[in-house]
C-alpha atoms as a PDB file:
ATOM      1  CA  UNK A   1     -33.449 -20.304 -11.706  1.00  0.00           C
ATOM      2  CA  UNK A   2     -32.139 -20.473  -8.083  1.00  0.00           C
ATOM      3  CA  UNK A   3     -28.932 -22.093  -9.346  1.00  0.00           C
ATOM      4  CA  UNK A   4     -27.966 -19.099 -11.459  1.00  0.00           C
ATOM      5  CA  UNK A   5     -28.281 -16.811  -8.436  1.00  0.00           C
ATOM      6  CA  UNK A   6     -25.441 -18.812  -6.853  1.00  0.00           C
ATOM      7  CA  UNK A   7     -23.152 -18.420  -9.836  1.00  0.00           C
ATOM      8  CA  UNK A   8     -20.892 -15.445 -10.429  1.00  0.00           C
ATOM      9  CA  UNK A   9     -18.597 -15.108 -13.408  1.00  0.00           C
ATOM     10  CA  UNK A  10     -15.054 -13.887 -12.777  1.00  0.00           C
ATOM     11  CA  UNK A  11     -14.549 -10.267 -13.764  1.00  0.00           C
ATOM     12  CA  UNK A  12     -12.955  -9.887 -17.175  1.00  0.00           C
ATOM     13  CA  UNK A  13      -9.429  -8.564 -16.740  1.00  0.00           C
ATOM     14  CA  UNK A  14      -8.413  -5.552 -18.786  1.00  0.00           C
ATOM     15  CA  UNK A  15      -4.835  -4.598 -19.478  1.00  0.00           C
ATOM     16  CA  UNK A  16      -5.757  -0.952 -18.930  1.00  0.00           C
ATOM     17  CA  UNK A  17      -7.311  -1.937 -15.602  1.00  0.00           C
ATOM     18  CA  UNK A  18      -3.767  -2.200 -14.286  1.00  0.00           C
ATOM     19  CA  UNK A  19      -2.801   1.395 -15.084  1.00  0.00           C
ATOM     20  CA  UNK A  20      -2.812   2.436 -11.409  1.00  0.00           C
ATOM     21  CA  UNK A  21      -0.495  -0.486 -10.625  1.00  0.00           C
ATOM     22  CA  UNK A  22       1.875   0.764 -13.311  1.00  0.00           C
ATOM     23  CA  UNK A  23       1.722   4.307 -11.916  1.00  0.00           C
ATOM     24  CA  UNK A  24       2.457   2.992  -8.425  1.00  0.00           C
ATOM     25  CA  UNK A  25       5.379   0.982  -9.807  1.00  0.00           C
ATOM     26  CA  UNK A  26       6.822   4.083 -11.486  1.00  0.00           C
ATOM     27  CA  UNK A  27       6.551   5.965  -8.203  1.00  0.00           C
ATOM     28  CA  UNK A  28       7.649   3.211  -5.832  1.00  0.00           C
ATOM     29  CA  UNK A  29      10.654   2.405  -8.007  1.00  0.00           C
ATOM     30  CA  UNK A  30      12.180   5.830  -7.293  1.00  0.00           C
ATOM     31  CA  UNK A  31      11.375   6.005  -3.573  1.00  0.00           C
ATOM     32  CA  UNK A  32      14.241   5.092  -1.242  1.00  0.00           C
ATOM     33  CA  UNK A  33      13.811   2.278   1.257  1.00  0.00           C
ATOM     34  CA  UNK A  34      15.781   2.928   4.461  1.00  0.00           C
ATOM     35  CA  UNK A  35      16.065  -0.125   6.712  1.00  0.00           C
ATOM     36  CA  UNK A  36      15.692   0.563  10.442  1.00  0.00           C
ATOM     37  CA  UNK A  37      18.023  -0.573  13.197  1.00  0.00           C
ATOM     38  CA  UNK A  38      16.852  -3.050  15.804  1.00  0.00           C
ATOM     39  CA  UNK A  39      16.808  -0.191  18.314  1.00  0.00           C
ATOM     40  CA  UNK A  40      14.535   1.885  16.086  1.00  0.00           C
ATOM     41  CA  UNK A  41      12.062  -0.983  15.705  1.00  0.00           C
ATOM     42  CA  UNK A  42      12.114  -1.534  19.487  1.00  0.00           C
ATOM     43  CA  UNK A  43      11.458   2.168  20.132  1.00  0.00           C
ATOM     44  CA  UNK A  44       8.681   2.271  17.500  1.00  0.00           C
ATOM     45  CA  UNK A  45       6.920  -0.683  19.119  1.00  0.00           C
ATOM     46  CA  UNK A  46       7.280   0.846  22.590  1.00  0.00           C
ATOM     47  CA  UNK A  47       5.665   4.107  21.454  1.00  0.00           C
ATOM     48  CA  UNK A  48       2.835   2.119  19.883  1.00  0.00           C
ATOM     49  CA  UNK A  49       2.341   0.169  23.131  1.00  0.00           C
ATOM     50  CA  UNK A  50       3.640  -3.096  21.700  1.00  0.00           C
ATOM     51  CA  UNK A  51       6.323  -5.682  22.244  1.00  0.00           C
ATOM     52  CA  UNK A  52       7.365  -8.654  20.117  1.00  0.00           C
ATOM     53  CA  UNK A  53       4.780 -10.686  22.049  1.00  0.00           C
ATOM     54  CA  UNK A  54       1.978  -8.153  21.490  1.00  0.00           C
ATOM     55  CA  UNK A  55       2.829  -7.228  17.886  1.00  0.00           C
ATOM     56  CA  UNK A  56      -0.433  -6.109  16.224  1.00  0.00           C
ATOM     57  CA  UNK A  57      -2.005  -3.704  13.776  1.00  0.00           C
ATOM     58  CA  UNK A  58      -1.512  -0.164  15.114  1.00  0.00           C
ATOM     59  CA  UNK A  59      -4.881   0.864  13.698  1.00  0.00           C
ATOM     60  CA  UNK A  60      -7.207  -1.907  14.897  1.00  0.00           C
ATOM     61  CA  UNK A  61      -5.337  -4.460  17.030  1.00  0.00           C
ATOM     62  CA  UNK A  62      -5.699  -7.416  14.653  1.00  0.00           C
ATOM     63  CA  UNK A  63      -2.692  -9.526  13.731  1.00  0.00           C
ATOM     64  CA  UNK A  64      -0.160  -7.365  11.883  1.00  0.00           C
ATOM     65  CA  UNK A  65       0.852  -8.810   8.529  1.00  0.00           C
ATOM     66  CA  UNK A  66       2.911  -5.923   7.172  1.00  0.00           C
ATOM     67  CA  UNK A  67       4.238  -2.447   7.878  1.00  0.00           C
ATOM     68  CA  UNK A  68       2.118   0.219   6.194  1.00  0.00           C
ATOM     69  CA  UNK A  69       2.985   3.797   5.302  1.00  0.00           C
ATOM     70  CA  UNK A  70       1.401   6.125   7.831  1.00  0.00           C
ATOM     71  CA  UNK A  71       1.643   8.942   5.300  1.00  0.00           C
ATOM     72  CA  UNK A  72       0.977   7.961   1.687  1.00  0.00           C
ATOM     73  CA  UNK A  73       3.738   7.722  -0.897  1.00  0.00           C
ATOM     74  CA  UNK A  74       1.316   8.427  -3.756  1.00  0.00           C
ATOM     75  CA  UNK A  75      -1.511  10.985  -4.013  1.00  0.00           C
ATOM     76  CA  UNK A  76      -3.219  11.955  -7.281  1.00  0.00           C
ATOM     77  CA  UNK A  77      -0.879   9.661  -9.223  1.00  0.00           C
ATOM     78  CA  UNK A  78       2.220  11.562  -8.084  1.00  0.00           C
ATOM     79  CA  UNK A  79       4.777  10.966  -5.329  1.00  0.00           C
ATOM     80  CA  UNK A  80       4.181  12.870  -2.107  1.00  0.00           C
ATOM     81  CA  UNK A  81       7.895  13.019  -1.275  1.00  0.00           C
ATOM     82  CA  UNK A  82       7.668  10.661   1.697  1.00  0.00           C
ATOM     83  CA  UNK A  83       9.973   7.658   1.695  1.00  0.00           C
ATOM     84  CA  UNK A  84       9.885   4.148   3.149  1.00  0.00           C
ATOM     85  CA  UNK A  85      11.499   4.505   6.567  1.00  0.00           C
ATOM     86  CA  UNK A  86      10.618   3.568  10.135  1.00  0.00           C
ATOM     87  CA  UNK A  87       9.204   7.033  10.886  1.00  0.00           C
ATOM     88  CA  UNK A  88       6.613   6.534   8.143  1.00  0.00           C
ATOM     89  CA  UNK A  89       5.791   2.864   8.739  1.00  0.00           C
ATOM     90  CA  UNK A  90       3.585   1.190  11.346  1.00  0.00           C
ATOM     91  CA  UNK A  91       2.501  -2.425  11.889  1.00  0.00           C
ATOM     92  CA  UNK A  92      -0.717  -3.034  10.007  1.00  0.00           C
ATOM     93  CA  UNK A  93      -3.169  -5.747   9.033  1.00  0.00           C
ATOM     94  CA  UNK A  94      -4.230  -6.309   5.434  1.00  0.00           C
ATOM     95  CA  UNK A  95      -7.776  -5.046   6.051  1.00  0.00           C
ATOM     96  CA  UNK A  96      -6.579  -1.692   7.369  1.00  0.00           C
ATOM     97  CA  UNK A  97      -3.893  -1.306   4.703  1.00  0.00           C
ATOM     98  CA  UNK A  98      -6.408  -1.949   1.936  1.00  0.00           C
ATOM     99  CA  UNK A  99      -9.076   0.301   3.444  1.00  0.00           C
ATOM    100  CA  UNK A 100      -6.798   3.208   4.354  1.00  0.00           C
ATOM    101  CA  UNK A 101      -5.154   3.517   0.952  1.00  0.00           C
ATOM    102  CA  UNK A 102      -3.723   7.014   0.618  1.00  0.00           C
ATOM    103  CA  UNK A 103      -6.150   8.698   3.028  1.00  0.00           C
ATOM    104  CA  UNK A 104      -4.916  10.670   6.066  1.00  0.00           C
ATOM    105  CA  UNK A 105      -4.667   8.012   8.783  1.00  0.00           C
ATOM    106  CA  UNK A 106      -6.544   9.762  11.621  1.00  0.00           C
ATOM    107  CA  UNK A 107      -9.526  10.890   9.544  1.00  0.00           C
ATOM    108  CA  UNK A 108      -9.703   7.419   7.973  1.00  0.00           C
ATOM    109  CA  UNK A 109      -9.679   5.667  11.391  1.00  0.00           C
ATOM    110  CA  UNK A 110     -12.737   7.658  12.471  1.00  0.00           C
ATOM    111  CA  UNK A 111     -14.494   7.480   9.114  1.00  0.00           C
ATOM    112  CA  UNK A 112     -17.253   5.240   7.817  1.00  0.00           C
ATOM    113  CA  UNK A 113     -14.956   3.851   5.124  1.00  0.00           C
ATOM    114  CA  UNK A 114     -15.344   0.154   4.461  1.00  0.00           C
ATOM    115  CA  UNK A 115     -13.161  -1.806   6.936  1.00  0.00           C
ATOM    116  CA  UNK A 116     -12.039   1.306   8.851  1.00  0.00           C
ATOM    117  CA  UNK A 117     -11.549   0.790  12.603  1.00  0.00           C
ATOM    118  CA  UNK A 118     -14.748   2.792  13.294  1.00  0.00           C
ATOM    119  CA  UNK A 119     -16.763   0.761  10.799  1.00  0.00           C
ATOM    120  CA  UNK A 120     -15.422  -2.467  12.309  1.00  0.00           C
ATOM    121  CA  UNK A 121     -16.390  -1.335  15.820  1.00  0.00           C
ATOM    122  CA  UNK A 122     -12.878  -1.152  17.274  1.00  0.00           C
ATOM    123  CA  UNK A 123     -13.458   0.033  20.846  1.00  0.00           C
ATOM    124  CA  UNK A 124     -10.072   1.607  21.628  1.00  0.00           C
ATOM    125  CA  UNK A 125      -9.740   3.936  18.635  1.00  0.00           C
ATOM    126  CA  UNK A 126      -8.929   6.971  20.784  1.00  0.00           C
ATOM    127  CA  UNK A 127      -6.063   5.151  22.533  1.00  0.00           C
ATOM    128  CA  UNK A 128      -4.706   4.053  19.145  1.00  0.00           C
ATOM    129  CA  UNK A 129      -4.974   7.612  17.766  1.00  0.00           C
ATOM    130  CA  UNK A 130      -3.075   8.883  20.828  1.00  0.00           C
ATOM    131  CA  UNK A 131      -0.287   6.329  20.301  1.00  0.00           C
ATOM    132  CA  UNK A 132      -0.050   7.057  16.576  1.00  0.00           C
ATOM    133  CA  UNK A 133       0.099  10.792  17.287  1.00  0.00           C
ATOM    134  CA  UNK A 134       2.976  10.159  19.736  1.00  0.00           C
ATOM    135  CA  UNK A 135       4.600   8.019  17.053  1.00  0.00           C
ATOM    136  CA  UNK A 136       4.467  10.896  14.580  1.00  0.00           C
ATOM    137  CA  UNK A 137       6.044  13.197  17.161  1.00  0.00           C
ATOM    138  CA  UNK A 138       8.855  10.698  17.888  1.00  0.00           C
ATOM    139  CA  UNK A 139      10.358  11.184  14.479  1.00  0.00           C
ATOM    140  CA  UNK A 140       9.029  13.264  11.643  1.00  0.00           C
ATOM    141  CA  UNK A 141       8.849  11.287   8.402  1.00  0.00           C
ATOM    142  CA  UNK A 142      11.326  12.461   5.777  1.00  0.00           C
ATOM    143  CA  UNK A 143       9.750  14.379   2.924  1.00  0.00           C
ATOM    144  CA  UNK A 144      11.861  15.184  -0.120  1.00  0.00           C
ATOM    145  CA  UNK A 145      11.372  17.102  -3.348  1.00  0.00           C
ATOM    146  CA  UNK A 146      12.341  14.332  -5.766  1.00  0.00           C
ATOM    147  CA  UNK A 147      12.045  16.504  -8.873  1.00  0.00           C
ATOM    148  CA  UNK A 148      14.381  19.138  -7.480  1.00  0.00           C
ATOM    149  CA  UNK A 149      16.916  16.513  -6.405  1.00  0.00           C
ATOM    150  CA  UNK A 150      17.147  14.684  -9.726  1.00  0.00           C
ATOM    151  CA  UNK A 151      16.557  17.648 -12.033  1.00  0.00           C
ATOM    152  CA  UNK A 152      14.005  18.516 -14.690  1.00  0.00           C
ATOM    153  CA  UNK A 153      15.516  16.390 -17.462  1.00  0.00           C
ATOM    154  CA  UNK A 154      15.510  13.064 -15.597  1.00  0.00           C
ATOM    155  CA  UNK A 155      12.146  13.822 -13.982  1.00  0.00           C
ATOM    156  CA  UNK A 156      10.537  14.625 -17.335  1.00  0.00           C
ATOM    157  CA  UNK A 157      12.032  11.496 -18.934  1.00  0.00           C
ATOM    158  CA  UNK A 158      10.765   9.300 -16.102  1.00  0.00           C
ATOM    159  CA  UNK A 159       7.184  10.524 -16.664  1.00  0.00           C
ATOM    160  CA  UNK A 160       7.533  10.259 -20.456  1.00  0.00           C
ATOM    161  CA  UNK A 161       8.494   6.608 -19.920  1.00  0.00           C
ATOM    162  CA  UNK A 162       5.389   6.218 -17.754  1.00  0.00           C
ATOM    163  CA  UNK A 163       3.246   7.712 -20.520  1.00  0.00           C
ATOM    164  CA  UNK A 164       4.792   5.373 -23.118  1.00  0.00           C
ATOM    165  CA  UNK A 165       3.954   2.334 -20.984  1.00  0.00           C
ATOM    166  CA  UNK A 166       0.388   3.580 -20.437  1.00  0.00           C
ATOM    167  CA  UNK A 167      -0.033   4.187 -24.185  1.00  0.00           C
ATOM    168  CA  UNK A 168       1.342   0.723 -24.963  1.00  0.00           C
ATOM    169  CA  UNK A 169      -1.176  -0.764 -22.509  1.00  0.00           C
ATOM    170  CA  UNK A 170      -4.028   1.060 -24.251  1.00  0.00           C
ATOM    171  CA  UNK A 171      -2.916  -0.288 -27.630  1.00  0.00           C
ATOM    172  CA  UNK A 172      -2.506  -3.769 -26.181  1.00  0.00           C
ATOM    173  CA  UNK A 173      -6.039  -3.571 -24.748  1.00  0.00           C
ATOM    174  CA  UNK A 174      -7.517  -2.786 -28.182  1.00  0.00           C
ATOM    175  CA  UNK A 175      -5.761  -5.845 -29.667  1.00  0.00           C
ATOM    176  CA  UNK A 176      -6.753  -8.013 -26.676  1.00  0.00           C
ATOM    177  CA  UNK A 177     -10.418  -7.085 -27.177  1.00  0.00           C
ATOM    178  CA  UNK A 178     -10.210  -8.088 -30.869  1.00  0.00           C
ATOM    179  CA  UNK A 179      -8.574 -11.394 -29.943  1.00  0.00           C
ATOM    180  CA  UNK A 180     -11.176 -12.004 -27.218  1.00  0.00           C
ATOM    181  CA  UNK A 181     -14.022 -11.357 -29.666  1.00  0.00           C
ATOM    182  CA  UNK A 182     -12.501 -13.667 -32.287  1.00  0.00           C
ATOM    183  CA  UNK A 183     -12.142 -16.466 -29.734  1.00  0.00           C
ATOM    184  CA  UNK A 184     -15.675 -15.900 -28.421  1.00  0.00           C
ATOM    185  CA  UNK A 185     -17.034 -15.927 -31.988  1.00  0.00           C
ATOM    186  CA  UNK A 186     -15.200 -19.218 -32.623  1.00  0.00           C
ATOM    187  CA  UNK A 187     -16.708 -20.651 -29.455  1.00  0.00           C
ATOM    188  CA  UNK A 188     -20.186 -19.452 -30.448  1.00  0.00           C
ATOM    189  CA  UNK A 189     -19.773 -20.982 -33.896  1.00  0.00           C
ATOM    190  CA  UNK A 190     -19.044 -24.328 -32.238  1.00  0.00           C
ATOM    191  CA  UNK A 191     -15.524 -24.615 -33.525  1.00  0.00           C
ATOM    192  CA  UNK A 192     -13.414 -27.125 -31.679  1.00  0.00           C
ATOM    193  CA  UNK A 193      -9.956 -25.539 -31.411  1.00  0.00           C
END
């Protein structure tokens, strides 16, 4: 019996389990990406108390692996209007990016969320909050009303396309479950395929 306690089956993947990824793709595909100048990156790092030699996660101080959106692009499965630009991006580690998700950054840093800076015992949270607050004041992130810009017709069509993909995934999941059961039944029957 102790051997089975060491074993863990992989989680069965469901096509419909990827619906949030599809929603994020539909949103991220319409959000502009504005590349910063070298001077903007330099200024951003200065405000955050960093240099190329001390490049780190703005939230916790670990090694930065990416630039994360300070303000979320997606909330409640809809775009917030923020775009990908230097004024909405900060150096981040994977742990913080994953934990923060689309939560407000300051409340998340001080929260008991799994892997938040507070939960991980980061000692200089207040200094980091101060720097991030200064960062926000340096340049307000752009926020746009995408629907108003592109018009009702294109906006409605975009979300109809999203719904079609989601519906197709649901239908594909039903078929996948039937196929899975048939294969499992064949295995149980001892068939050698």
